[in-house]
């Protein structure tokens, strides 16, 4: 059973930075595409960023492009999200997610991911 545990959330002022981490455990062998989604109160869960199994391809929501950076270190079983120039509208619970198969498409679709973390709260004050 694959489990994902996020860390690094917290409270930050607008314009500040935060780094999220996600520890992946229980997975043996292959690496698959992974991503970050977020959900604000009363809103649908939305795509933030994704990275291919090799780490060579990354994908970002327009709202975070140029401010957030996703990366992975498979040797450490870790996924990261560096968030810079944070805005109050970035406030949400952030979820780490992983696929269970190889695919080069559909990274923005939450239904294509098999495993999810419990989420970590990010709050950006104005």
Foldseek 3Di string as FASTA:
>chain_A
DKAKAKDWADEEAAQAKTKMKIAIPDDDDFFAKKAKWWDDPPGDIWGAKIAGRVRPDIDGDPVQPPFKDWGDDVVRRMIMIIGGRDDQVVWTWMKIFGADDYDDDDPGPPVRTDYIHPTDTHGYHD
